[in-house]
Amino acid sequence: MPNAAPRTDVFVAVVDPTRRALLDRLRAGPAPVNALAADFALSRPAVSKHLRVLRDAGLVRETRVGRERIYRLRPLPLQRVAGWVEGFRALWTAGTDGSKRDPEVT
């Protein structure tokens, strides 16, 4: 089902630093799982588990080419996250010009 709703929340998927690193790696272009696994000090099954979470969140797409699985970045879910985060920009930029800041916010 290519149009199925994501099963994993995007925020859950990107909270892990290894998954963020996989997304960073895939910005350079599609890659087979073995090439991705070679970039990490993890076993191939561990990398595959991380890729499954990213796939379930709709952040990557898996295509089989012969015996290989090729992964590609799907940026639309990240664009939605960026749009949501952008709504908070005023909070982290407020006070940088000397205006009063909430002491609770660090």
Protein backbone atom coordinates (compact mmCIF):
# COMPACT_ATOMS: atom_id res chain seq x y z
CA MET A 1 0.00 0.00 0.00
CA PRO A 2 2.05 2.95 -1.19
CA ASN A 3 -0.49 5.52 0.00
CA ALA A 4 -0.98 4.04 3.46
CA ALA A 5 -0.76 6.40 6.41
CA PRO A 6 2.56 6.38 8.27
CA ARG A 7 2.62 3.98 11.20
CA THR A 8 5.34 5.78 13.14
CA ASP A 9 5.24 9.43 14.15
CA VAL A 10 7.90 11.51 12.39
CA PHE A 11 9.04 13.00 15.70
CA VAL A 12 9.54 9.50 17.15
CA ALA A 13 11.56 8.59 14.08
CA VAL A 14 13.89 11.60 14.17
CA VAL A 15 14.53 11.60 17.92
CA ASP A 16 17.24 8.95 17.50
CA PRO A 17 20.67 10.30 16.43
CA THR A 18 21.40 7.25 14.25
CA ARG A 19 18.19 7.77 12.30
CA ARG A 20 18.99 11.47 11.88
CA ALA A 21 22.43 10.47 10.58
CA LEU A 22 20.81 8.06 8.12
CA LEU A 23 18.58 10.88 6.87
CA ASP A 24 21.64 13.12 6.53
CA ARG A 25 23.39 10.39 4.53
CA LEU A 26 20.38 9.95 2.24
CA ARG A 27 20.38 13.68 1.41
CA ALA A 28 23.32 12.83 -0.86
CA GLY A 29 21.11 10.46 -2.82
CA PRO A 30 19.66 6.96 -2.82
CA ALA A 31 21.78 4.18 -1.37
CA PRO A 32 21.58 0.43 -0.89
CA VAL A 33 21.23 -0.80 2.65
CA ASN A 34 24.71 -2.37 2.60
CA ALA A 35 26.31 0.96 1.70
CA LEU A 36 24.35 2.68 4.44
CA ALA A 37 25.36 0.04 6.97
CA ALA A 38 29.02 0.46 5.99
CA ASP A 39 28.83 4.12 7.09
CA PHE A 40 27.90 3.15 10.68
CA ALA A 41 29.49 1.21 13.52
CA LEU A 42 26.33 -0.90 13.74
CA SER A 43 25.38 -4.29 12.43
CA ARG A 44 23.44 -4.45 9.19
CA PRO A 45 20.35 -5.76 11.04
CA ALA A 46 20.53 -2.80 13.45
CA VAL A 47 20.72 -0.35 10.53
CA SER A 48 17.82 -2.17 8.88
CA LYS A 49 15.73 -1.70 12.02
CA HIS A 50 16.44 2.04 11.99
CA LEU A 51 15.55 2.18 8.30
CA ARG A 52 12.29 0.36 9.03
CA VAL A 53 11.33 3.05 11.56
CA LEU A 54 12.15 5.76 9.02
CA ARG A 55 10.15 3.92 6.36
CA ASP A 56 7.19 3.44 8.70
CA ALA A 57 7.24 7.20 9.40
CA GLY A 58 7.20 7.91 5.66
CA LEU A 59 10.66 9.51 5.73
CA VAL A 60 12.31 7.04 3.37
CA ARG A 61 11.15 4.84 0.54
CA GLU A 62 12.50 1.37 -0.08
CA THR A 63 12.79 -0.02 -3.59
CA ARG A 64 13.98 -3.49 -4.44
CA VAL A 65 16.36 -3.78 -7.35
CA GLY A 66 17.20 -7.43 -7.79
CA ARG A 67 18.42 -8.58 -4.40
CA GLU A 68 19.28 -5.09 -3.18
CA ARG A 69 17.10 -2.69 -1.25
CA ILE A 70 17.65 0.91 -2.25
CA TYR A 71 16.58 3.67 0.15
CA ARG A 72 15.56 7.18 -0.89
CA LEU A 73 14.72 10.18 1.23
CA ARG A 74 11.10 11.36 1.23
CA PRO A 75 11.34 15.01 2.36
CA LEU A 76 7.63 15.91 2.61
CA PRO A 77 7.19 14.70 6.22
CA LEU A 78 10.27 16.74 7.20
CA GLN A 79 8.79 19.78 5.49
CA ARG A 80 5.71 19.42 7.67
CA VAL A 81 7.92 19.22 10.77
CA ALA A 82 9.86 22.29 9.66
CA GLY A 83 6.61 24.17 9.21
CA TRP A 84 5.51 23.26 12.72
CA VAL A 85 8.89 24.21 14.24
CA GLU A 86 8.88 27.49 12.35
CA GLY A 87 5.93 28.56 14.49
CA PHE A 88 8.30 28.57 17.46
CA ARG A 89 11.03 30.67 15.82
CA ALA A 90 9.87 33.79 17.65
CA LEU A 91 10.51 32.03 20.96
CA TRP A 92 14.15 31.28 20.29
CA THR A 93 14.88 34.56 18.52
CA ALA A 94 13.13 36.70 21.15
CA GLY A 95 15.61 38.16 23.53
CA THR A 96 18.60 37.90 21.22
CA ASP A 97 18.27 41.63 20.62
CA GLY A 98 18.33 42.48 24.33
CA SER A 99 14.60 42.28 24.97
CA LYS A 100 13.27 40.69 28.15
CA ARG A 101 13.30 36.88 28.20
CA ASP A 102 11.44 34.42 30.34
CA PRO A 103 13.92 33.13 32.98
CA GLU A 104 12.35 29.67 32.67
CA VAL A 105 13.37 29.44 28.99
CA THR A 106 16.99 28.48 28.35
